[in-house]
Amino acid sequence: MHASDALIEPLRRHLEATQGGPVDRVETHISWLLLTPKFAFKIKKPLRLSFLDFSSLELRRHFCEEELRLNRRLASDLYLDVVDIRGTPDAPTFAASGDVVEVALKMRRFPAGSLMTERLATGKLDATHIDRFAERLAEFHRTAPAVEPGSRFGAPECIVAQAAGTLDGIEQHGADGAALRAWIAEQSKALTPWWVERQSAGQVRECHGDLHLANALVLGDDVTAFDGIEFDPALRWIDVLSDSAFFAMDLIAHGRR
């Protein structure tokens, strides 16, 4: 059990008593979500893993603030604030005074059926939605900050290291990555000049970093994305083509071309 586990259920009950309806609890690998009728409160687990460090309250606050900053770029109506959880683990509240025991990201809930994965499953995702999302994404990429000259982000050695790290993880689960590793080595030699050119041209920018269909939304006339990567800059400081390609690959994986 994590140190913050003890406060999640008391906090859920507190929200249920004050928010006017049932509160659902959802747990992921790195966070808890408490879903009230109107809001979602995201609490990061106190973890230190190979790809993130949420081990202290100060770090969890920092990454909540980063998540708010980054995701407001595409979903400002959803990402509301970083809020202190005060009191004790047995009796946590969102009061204005008292000892801070944890921190949460406060978001506005969106209606069920808004995710592109859900709309695709019910036949409610069409080419118009994809076109509008492409326009939104193009403008987002155009205005996102670019890396400084000489940055490691988007440099060939960084791209190859990330690919190798992914393969290492796959092989730890028993898969044979030898053929894919050889293919990456071959492709990296051919693509290195292009990667250098793309970085020099300012096409490596602070992107979303996790653009799959379950992180894309249709909210009325608005088609956008949420839940971008905050915990590892190398996953979001990438070529804008890589950001877009991830979304295109997920469409293909779901049988849409």
C-alpha atoms as a PDB file:
ATOM      1  CA  MET A   1       0.000   0.000   0.000  1.00  0.00           C
ATOM      2  CA  HIS A   2       1.305   3.464  -0.902  1.00  0.00           C
ATOM      3  CA  ALA A   3       1.559   6.161   1.756  1.00  0.00           C
ATOM      4  CA  SER A   4      -1.289   8.129   0.162  1.00  0.00           C
ATOM      5  CA  ASP A   5      -3.592   5.094  -0.088  1.00  0.00           C
ATOM      6  CA  ALA A   6      -4.936   5.788   3.367  1.00  0.00           C
ATOM      7  CA  LEU A   7      -6.418   9.158   2.428  1.00  0.00           C
ATOM      8  CA  ILE A   8      -8.080   8.219  -0.879  1.00  0.00           C
ATOM      9  CA  GLU A   9     -11.168   6.504   0.539  1.00  0.00           C
ATOM     10  CA  PRO A  10     -11.724   9.154   3.262  1.00  0.00           C
ATOM     11  CA  LEU A  11     -11.329  11.831   0.593  1.00  0.00           C
ATOM     12  CA  ARG A  12     -13.829  10.033  -1.643  1.00  0.00           C
ATOM     13  CA  ARG A  13     -16.341   9.975   1.214  1.00  0.00           C
ATOM     14  CA  HIS A  14     -15.690  13.670   1.932  1.00  0.00           C
ATOM     15  CA  LEU A  15     -16.349  14.557  -1.696  1.00  0.00           C
ATOM     16  CA  GLU A  16     -19.466  12.425  -1.723  1.00  0.00           C
ATOM     17  CA  ALA A  17     -20.771  14.339   1.298  1.00  0.00           C
ATOM     18  CA  THR A  18     -19.981  17.768  -0.159  1.00  0.00           C
ATOM     19  CA  GLN A  19     -20.384  17.449  -3.928  1.00  0.00           C
ATOM     20  CA  GLY A  20     -23.994  16.339  -4.106  1.00  0.00           C
ATOM     21  CA  GLY A  21     -23.722  12.869  -5.607  1.00  0.00           C
ATOM     22  CA  PRO A  22     -21.811   9.597  -5.810  1.00  0.00           C
ATOM     23  CA  VAL A  23     -18.049   9.739  -6.291  1.00  0.00           C
ATOM     24  CA  ASP A  24     -16.328   7.040  -8.325  1.00  0.00           C
ATOM     25  CA  ARG A  25     -12.760   5.962  -7.660  1.00  0.00           C
ATOM     26  CA  VAL A  26     -10.517   5.023 -10.597  1.00  0.00           C
ATOM     27  CA  GLU A  27      -6.945   3.787 -10.145  1.00  0.00           C
ATOM     28  CA  THR A  28      -4.193   3.784 -12.754  1.00  0.00           C
ATOM     29  CA  HIS A  29      -0.578   2.693 -12.538  1.00  0.00           C
ATOM     30  CA  ILE A  30       0.561   6.138 -11.370  1.00  0.00           C
ATOM     31  CA  SER A  31      -2.489   7.976 -10.014  1.00  0.00           C
ATOM     32  CA  TRP A  32      -5.946   7.912  -8.475  1.00  0.00           C
ATOM     33  CA  LEU A  33      -8.962   9.706  -9.909  1.00  0.00           C
ATOM     34  CA  LEU A  34     -11.982  10.689  -7.835  1.00  0.00           C
ATOM     35  CA  LEU A  35     -14.918  11.491 -10.104  1.00  0.00           C
ATOM     36  CA  THR A  36     -17.715  13.662  -8.726  1.00  0.00           C
ATOM     37  CA  PRO A  37     -20.791  14.551 -10.802  1.00  0.00           C
ATOM     38  CA  LYS A  38     -19.064  17.729 -12.060  1.00  0.00           C
ATOM     39  CA  PHE A  39     -15.345  17.428 -11.368  1.00  0.00           C
ATOM     40  CA  ALA A  40     -12.409  15.012 -11.460  1.00  0.00           C
ATOM     41  CA  PHE A  41      -9.667  15.144  -8.832  1.00  0.00           C
ATOM     42  CA  LYS A  42      -6.388  13.488  -9.850  1.00  0.00           C
ATOM     43  CA  ILE A  43      -3.932  12.516  -7.103  1.00  0.00           C
ATOM     44  CA  LYS A  44      -0.501  11.252  -8.100  1.00  0.00           C
ATOM     45  CA  LYS A  45       0.848   8.177  -6.346  1.00  0.00           C
ATOM     46  CA  PRO A  46       4.047   8.675  -4.311  1.00  0.00           C
ATOM     47  CA  LEU A  47       6.185   6.612  -6.672  1.00  0.00           C
ATOM     48  CA  ARG A  48       9.717   6.643  -8.028  1.00  0.00           C
ATOM     49  CA  LEU A  49       9.963   4.631 -11.243  1.00  0.00           C
ATOM     50  CA  SER A  50      12.481   4.484 -14.062  1.00  0.00           C
ATOM     51  CA  PHE A  51      10.482   7.049 -16.044  1.00  0.00           C
ATOM     52  CA  LEU A  52       9.074   9.336 -13.317  1.00  0.00           C
ATOM     53  CA  ASP A  53       9.595  10.578  -9.785  1.00  0.00           C
ATOM     54  CA  PHE A  54       6.527  11.458  -7.677  1.00  0.00           C
ATOM     55  CA  SER A  55       8.194  10.406  -4.441  1.00  0.00           C
ATOM     56  CA  SER A  56       7.784  13.678  -2.493  1.00  0.00           C
ATOM     57  CA  LEU A  57       4.908  16.086  -1.973  1.00  0.00           C
ATOM     58  CA  GLU A  58       7.004  18.839  -3.576  1.00  0.00           C
ATOM     59  CA  LEU A  59       7.548  16.755  -6.701  1.00  0.00           C
ATOM     60  CA  ARG A  60       3.876  15.794  -6.909  1.00  0.00           C
ATOM     61  CA  ARG A  61       2.918  19.475  -6.659  1.00  0.00           C
ATOM     62  CA  HIS A  62       5.443  20.369  -9.369  1.00  0.00           C
ATOM     63  CA  PHE A  63       4.109  17.755 -11.752  1.00  0.00           C
ATOM     64  CA  CYS A  64       0.489  18.689 -11.015  1.00  0.00           C
ATOM     65  CA  GLU A  65       1.394  22.259 -11.942  1.00  0.00           C
ATOM     66  CA  GLU A  66       3.150  21.043 -15.076  1.00  0.00           C
ATOM     67  CA  GLU A  67       0.153  18.919 -16.034  1.00  0.00           C
ATOM     68  CA  LEU A  68      -2.102  21.943 -15.592  1.00  0.00           C
ATOM     69  CA  ARG A  69       0.175  24.199 -17.650  1.00  0.00           C
ATOM     70  CA  LEU A  70       0.701  21.758 -20.463  1.00  0.00           C
ATOM     71  CA  ASN A  71      -2.872  20.554 -20.858  1.00  0.00           C
ATOM     72  CA  ARG A  72      -4.443  23.983 -20.675  1.00  0.00           C
ATOM     73  CA  ARG A  73      -2.862  24.560 -24.079  1.00  0.00           C
ATOM     74  CA  LEU A  74      -5.405  22.232 -25.692  1.00  0.00           C
ATOM     75  CA  ALA A  75      -8.118  21.874 -23.035  1.00  0.00           C
ATOM     76  CA  SER A  76      -8.288  25.064 -20.974  1.00  0.00           C
ATOM     77  CA  ASP A  77     -11.958  24.485 -20.099  1.00  0.00           C
ATOM     78  CA  LEU A  78     -11.173  21.092 -18.553  1.00  0.00           C
ATOM     79  CA  TYR A  79      -8.044  21.842 -16.529  1.00  0.00           C
ATOM     80  CA  LEU A  80      -9.056  24.111 -13.651  1.00  0.00           C
ATOM     81  CA  ASP A  81      -6.524  24.282 -10.813  1.00  0.00           C
ATOM     82  CA  VAL A  82      -4.032  22.581  -8.509  1.00  0.00           C
ATOM     83  CA  VAL A  83      -5.629  22.270  -5.059  1.00  0.00           C
ATOM     84  CA  ASP A  84      -4.267  21.422  -1.624  1.00  0.00           C
ATOM     85  CA  ILE A  85      -5.670  18.539   0.384  1.00  0.00           C
ATOM     86  CA  ARG A  86      -5.492  19.493   4.056  1.00  0.00           C
ATOM     87  CA  GLY A  87      -6.221  17.951   7.448  1.00  0.00           C
ATOM     88  CA  THR A  88      -5.139  14.384   8.127  1.00  0.00           C
ATOM     89  CA  PRO A  89      -5.156  11.189   6.045  1.00  0.00           C
ATOM     90  CA  ASP A  90      -8.170  10.028   8.082  1.00  0.00           C
ATOM     91  CA  ALA A  91     -10.071  13.288   7.606  1.00  0.00           C
ATOM     92  CA  PRO A  92      -8.845  15.051   4.456  1.00  0.00           C
ATOM     93  CA  THR A  93     -10.613  18.161   3.136  1.00  0.00           C
ATOM     94  CA  PHE A  94     -10.155  20.985   0.634  1.00  0.00           C
ATOM     95  CA  ALA A  95     -10.368  23.599   3.405  1.00  0.00           C
ATOM     96  CA  ALA A  96      -8.471  26.877   3.106  1.00  0.00           C
ATOM     97  CA  SER A  97      -6.440  26.274   6.258  1.00  0.00           C
ATOM     98  CA  GLY A  98      -4.728  23.387   7.987  1.00  0.00           C
ATOM     99  CA  ASP A  99      -1.720  21.190   7.269  1.00  0.00           C
ATOM    100  CA  VAL A 100      -1.263  20.172   3.639  1.00  0.00           C
ATOM    101  CA  VAL A 101      -1.163  16.386   3.381  1.00  0.00           C
ATOM    102  CA  GLU A 102      -1.456  15.978  -0.391  1.00  0.00           C
ATOM    103  CA  VAL A 103      -2.111  17.881  -3.619  1.00  0.00           C
ATOM    104  CA  ALA A 104      -4.543  17.218  -6.461  1.00  0.00           C
ATOM    105  CA  LEU A 105      -5.224  18.379  -9.981  1.00  0.00           C
ATOM    106  CA  LYS A 106      -8.816  19.577 -10.316  1.00  0.00           C
ATOM    107  CA  MET A 107     -10.497  19.085 -13.682  1.00  0.00           C
ATOM    108  CA  ARG A 108     -13.952  19.520 -15.118  1.00  0.00           C
ATOM    109  CA  ARG A 109     -15.590  16.231 -16.032  1.00  0.00           C
ATOM    110  CA  PHE A 110     -16.625  15.715 -19.634  1.00  0.00           C
ATOM    111  CA  PRO A 111     -19.711  13.734 -20.677  1.00  0.00           C
ATOM    112  CA  ALA A 112     -19.524   9.991 -21.160  1.00  0.00           C
ATOM    113  CA  GLY A 113     -19.110   9.134 -24.822  1.00  0.00           C
ATOM    114  CA  SER A 114     -16.817  12.091 -25.570  1.00  0.00           C
ATOM    115  CA  LEU A 115     -13.615  10.101 -26.125  1.00  0.00           C
ATOM    116  CA  MET A 116     -12.773   9.280 -29.726  1.00  0.00           C
ATOM    117  CA  THR A 117     -12.433   5.623 -28.737  1.00  0.00           C
ATOM    118  CA  GLU A 118     -16.030   5.682 -27.467  1.00  0.00           C
ATOM    119  CA  ARG A 119     -17.336   7.530 -30.509  1.00  0.00           C
ATOM    120  CA  LEU A 120     -15.533   5.148 -32.833  1.00  0.00           C
ATOM    121  CA  ALA A 121     -17.103   2.164 -31.059  1.00  0.00           C
ATOM    122  CA  THR A 122     -20.607   3.639 -31.460  1.00  0.00           C
ATOM    123  CA  GLY A 123     -20.146   4.827 -35.050  1.00  0.00           C
ATOM    124  CA  LYS A 124     -20.138   8.521 -34.074  1.00  0.00           C
ATOM    125  CA  LEU A 125     -16.613   9.442 -35.203  1.00  0.00           C
ATOM    126  CA  ASP A 126     -16.424  10.672 -38.779  1.00  0.00           C
ATOM    127  CA  ALA A 127     -13.984  12.350 -41.144  1.00  0.00           C
ATOM    128  CA  THR A 128     -15.214  15.813 -40.168  1.00  0.00           C
ATOM    129  CA  HIS A 129     -14.061  15.232 -36.581  1.00  0.00           C
ATOM    130  CA  ILE A 130     -10.634  14.082 -37.773  1.00  0.00           C
ATOM    131  CA  ASP A 131     -10.302  17.097 -40.077  1.00  0.00           C
ATOM    132  CA  ARG A 132     -11.176  19.496 -37.250  1.00  0.00           C
ATOM    133  CA  PHE A 133      -8.734  17.764 -34.933  1.00  0.00           C
ATOM    134  CA  ALA A 134      -5.984  17.989 -37.568  1.00  0.00           C
ATOM    135  CA  GLU A 135      -6.583  21.734 -37.869  1.00  0.00           C
ATOM    136  CA  ARG A 136      -6.489  22.112 -34.083  1.00  0.00           C
ATOM    137  CA  LEU A 137      -3.311  20.076 -33.847  1.00  0.00           C
ATOM    138  CA  ALA A 138      -1.591  21.992 -36.646  1.00  0.00           C
ATOM    139  CA  GLU A 139      -2.223  25.298 -34.859  1.00  0.00           C
ATOM    140  CA  PHE A 140      -1.086  23.811 -31.546  1.00  0.00           C
ATOM    141  CA  HIS A 141       2.165  22.630 -33.099  1.00  0.00           C
ATOM    142  CA  ARG A 142       2.702  25.922 -34.900  1.00  0.00           C
ATOM    143  CA  THR A 143       2.579  27.900 -31.647  1.00  0.00           C
ATOM    144  CA  ALA A 144       4.374  25.403 -29.350  1.00  0.00           C
ATOM    145  CA  PRO A 145       7.899  26.422 -28.299  1.00  0.00           C
ATOM    146  CA  ALA A 146      10.777  24.869 -30.249  1.00  0.00           C
ATOM    147  CA  VAL A 147      13.919  23.374 -28.714  1.00  0.00           C
ATOM    148  CA  GLU A 148      17.031  25.470 -28.351  1.00  0.00           C
ATOM    149  CA  PRO A 149      19.890  24.767 -30.802  1.00  0.00           C
ATOM    150  CA  GLY A 150      21.998  21.869 -29.575  1.00  0.00           C
ATOM    151  CA  SER A 151      19.260  20.398 -27.373  1.00  0.00           C
ATOM    152  CA  ARG A 152      19.347  16.670 -26.744  1.00  0.00           C
ATOM    153  CA  PHE A 153      15.613  16.527 -27.437  1.00  0.00           C
ATOM    154  CA  GLY A 154      15.016  15.399 -30.996  1.00  0.00           C
ATOM    155  CA  ALA A 155      18.721  14.693 -31.510  1.00  0.00           C
ATOM    156  CA  PRO A 156      19.480  11.358 -33.233  1.00  0.00           C
ATOM    157  CA  GLU A 157      21.153   9.861 -30.146  1.00  0.00           C
ATOM    158  CA  CYS A 158      18.080  10.694 -28.023  1.00  0.00           C
ATOM    159  CA  ILE A 159      15.673   9.152 -30.545  1.00  0.00           C
ATOM    160  CA  VAL A 160      17.745   5.974 -30.824  1.00  0.00           C
ATOM    161  CA  ALA A 161      18.108   5.712 -27.039  1.00  0.00           C
ATOM    162  CA  GLN A 162      14.343   6.018 -26.555  1.00  0.00           C
ATOM    163  CA  ALA A 163      13.703   3.287 -29.130  1.00  0.00           C
ATOM    164  CA  ALA A 164      16.313   1.053 -27.497  1.00  0.00           C
ATOM    165  CA  GLY A 165      14.772   1.647 -24.078  1.00  0.00           C
ATOM    166  CA  THR A 166      11.368   0.604 -25.399  1.00  0.00           C
ATOM    167  CA  LEU A 167      12.845  -2.565 -26.847  1.00  0.00           C
ATOM    168  CA  ASP A 168      14.587  -3.302 -23.548  1.00  0.00           C
ATOM    169  CA  GLY A 169      11.212  -3.171 -21.817  1.00  0.00           C
ATOM    170  CA  ILE A 170       9.609  -5.458 -24.400  1.00  0.00           C
ATOM    171  CA  GLU A 171      12.427  -7.982 -24.128  1.00  0.00           C
ATOM    172  CA  GLN A 172      12.129  -8.033 -20.338  1.00  0.00           C
ATOM    173  CA  HIS A 173       8.657  -9.507 -20.886  1.00  0.00           C
ATOM    174  CA  GLY A 174      10.059 -12.352 -22.966  1.00  0.00           C
ATOM    175  CA  ALA A 175       9.718 -10.971 -26.498  1.00  0.00           C
ATOM    176  CA  ASP A 176      12.494 -11.361 -29.054  1.00  0.00           C
ATOM    177  CA  GLY A 177      13.432  -7.888 -30.236  1.00  0.00           C
ATOM    178  CA  ALA A 178      16.540  -8.790 -32.246  1.00  0.00           C
ATOM    179  CA  ALA A 179      15.010  -8.272 -35.692  1.00  0.00           C
ATOM    180  CA  LEU A 180      13.376  -5.012 -34.680  1.00  0.00           C
ATOM    181  CA  ARG A 181      16.593  -3.810 -33.048  1.00  0.00           C
ATOM    182  CA  ALA A 182      18.489  -4.484 -36.279  1.00  0.00           C
ATOM    183  CA  TRP A 183      15.833  -2.647 -38.293  1.00  0.00           C
ATOM    184  CA  ILE A 184      16.042   0.389 -35.968  1.00  0.00           C
ATOM    185  CA  ALA A 185      19.833   0.452 -36.309  1.00  0.00           C
ATOM    186  CA  GLU A 186      19.541   0.393 -40.095  1.00  0.00           C
ATOM    187  CA  GLN A 187      16.825   3.044 -40.203  1.00  0.00           C
ATOM    188  CA  SER A 188      18.639   5.332 -37.776  1.00  0.00           C
ATOM    189  CA  LYS A 189      21.618   5.533 -40.098  1.00  0.00           C
ATOM    190  CA  ALA A 190      19.392   6.575 -42.994  1.00  0.00           C
ATOM    191  CA  LEU A 191      17.292   9.011 -40.944  1.00  0.00           C
ATOM    192  CA  THR A 192      20.017  10.728 -38.921  1.00  0.00           C
ATOM    193  CA  PRO A 193      20.583  13.556 -41.463  1.00  0.00           C
ATOM    194  CA  TRP A 194      16.823  14.150 -41.647  1.00  0.00           C
ATOM    195  CA  TRP A 195      16.471  14.196 -37.848  1.00  0.00           C
ATOM    196  CA  VAL A 196      19.271  16.758 -37.617  1.00  0.00           C
ATOM    197  CA  GLU A 197      17.616  18.874 -40.304  1.00  0.00           C
ATOM    198  CA  ARG A 198      14.213  18.690 -38.603  1.00  0.00           C
ATOM    199  CA  GLN A 199      15.678  19.773 -35.261  1.00  0.00           C
ATOM    200  CA  SER A 200      17.613  22.637 -36.884  1.00  0.00           C
ATOM    201  CA  ALA A 201      14.456  23.769 -38.671  1.00  0.00           C
ATOM    202  CA  GLY A 202      12.595  24.155 -35.364  1.00  0.00           C
ATOM    203  CA  GLN A 203      10.279  21.184 -35.848  1.00  0.00           C
ATOM    204  CA  VAL A 204      11.129  19.603 -32.471  1.00  0.00           C
ATOM    205  CA  ARG A 205       8.693  21.306 -30.117  1.00  0.00           C
ATOM    206  CA  GLU A 206       6.940  20.928 -26.770  1.00  0.00           C
ATOM    207  CA  CYS A 207       4.172  18.645 -28.013  1.00  0.00           C
ATOM    208  CA  HIS A 208       1.419  16.588 -26.378  1.00  0.00           C
ATOM    209  CA  GLY A 209       3.409  13.355 -26.272  1.00  0.00           C
ATOM    210  CA  ASP A 210       0.586  10.815 -25.934  1.00  0.00           C
ATOM    211  CA  LEU A 211      -1.839  11.441 -28.789  1.00  0.00           C
ATOM    212  CA  HIS A 212      -3.902   8.283 -29.048  1.00  0.00           C
ATOM    213  CA  LEU A 213      -7.656   8.044 -29.553  1.00  0.00           C
ATOM    214  CA  ALA A 214      -8.438   7.658 -25.832  1.00  0.00           C
ATOM    215  CA  ASN A 215      -6.791  11.039 -25.204  1.00  0.00           C
ATOM    216  CA  ALA A 216      -8.762  12.853 -27.922  1.00  0.00           C
ATOM    217  CA  LEU A 217     -12.212  14.346 -27.327  1.00  0.00           C
ATOM    218  CA  VAL A 218     -15.242  15.597 -29.171  1.00  0.00           C
ATOM    219  CA  LEU A 219     -17.017  18.176 -27.013  1.00  0.00           C
ATOM    220  CA  GLY A 220     -19.798  19.735 -29.037  1.00  0.00           C
ATOM    221  CA  ASP A 221     -18.090  21.690 -31.810  1.00  0.00           C
ATOM    222  CA  ASP A 222     -14.713  21.411 -30.109  1.00  0.00           C
ATOM    223  CA  VAL A 223     -12.366  18.569 -31.063  1.00  0.00           C
ATOM    224  CA  THR A 224      -9.224  18.482 -28.960  1.00  0.00           C
ATOM    225  CA  ALA A 225      -6.923  16.405 -26.739  1.00  0.00           C
ATOM    226  CA  PHE A 226      -6.161  16.070 -23.030  1.00  0.00           C
ATOM    227  CA  ASP A 227      -3.830  14.120 -20.699  1.00  0.00           C
ATOM    228  CA  GLY A 228      -0.542  15.107 -22.318  1.00  0.00           C
ATOM    229  CA  ILE A 229       2.755  13.950 -20.845  1.00  0.00           C
ATOM    230  CA  GLU A 230       4.020  15.991 -17.894  1.00  0.00           C
ATOM    231  CA  PHE A 231       6.389  13.612 -16.110  1.00  0.00           C
ATOM    232  CA  ASP A 232       9.130  13.190 -18.763  1.00  0.00           C
ATOM    233  CA  PRO A 233      10.151  16.108 -21.005  1.00  0.00           C
ATOM    234  CA  ALA A 234      11.808  13.749 -23.504  1.00  0.00           C
ATOM    235  CA  LEU A 235       8.406  12.227 -24.293  1.00  0.00           C
ATOM    236  CA  ARG A 236       6.847  15.560 -25.255  1.00  0.00           C
ATOM    237  CA  TRP A 237       9.808  17.524 -26.685  1.00  0.00           C
ATOM    238  CA  ILE A 238       9.567  15.658 -29.975  1.00  0.00           C
ATOM    239  CA  ASP A 239       9.157  16.285 -33.672  1.00  0.00           C
ATOM    240  CA  VAL A 240       5.665  17.528 -34.456  1.00  0.00           C
ATOM    241  CA  LEU A 241       5.451  14.757 -37.067  1.00  0.00           C
ATOM    242  CA  SER A 242       6.019  12.157 -34.345  1.00  0.00           C
ATOM    243  CA  ASP A 243       3.212  13.673 -32.264  1.00  0.00           C
ATOM    244  CA  SER A 244       0.826  13.534 -35.241  1.00  0.00           C
ATOM    245  CA  ALA A 245       2.017  10.104 -36.374  1.00  0.00           C
ATOM    246  CA  PHE A 246       1.069   8.500 -33.055  1.00  0.00           C
ATOM    247  CA  PHE A 247      -2.533   9.606 -33.561  1.00  0.00           C
ATOM    248  CA  ALA A 248      -2.510   8.406 -37.188  1.00  0.00           C
ATOM    249  CA  MET A 249      -1.066   5.039 -36.135  1.00  0.00           C
ATOM    250  CA  ASP A 250      -3.831   4.571 -33.563  1.00  0.00           C
ATOM    251  CA  LEU A 251      -6.460   5.317 -36.183  1.00  0.00           C
ATOM    252  CA  ILE A 252      -4.889   2.647 -38.408  1.00  0.00           C
ATOM    253  CA  ALA A 253      -4.739   0.217 -35.474  1.00  0.00           C
ATOM    254  CA  HIS A 254      -8.504   0.750 -35.049  1.00  0.00           C
ATOM    255  CA  GLY A 255      -9.126  -0.011 -38.714  1.00  0.00           C
ATOM    256  CA  ARG A 256      -9.524   3.575 -39.892  1.00  0.00           C
ATOM    257  CA  ARG A 257      -7.422   4.907 -42.769  1.00  0.00           C
END
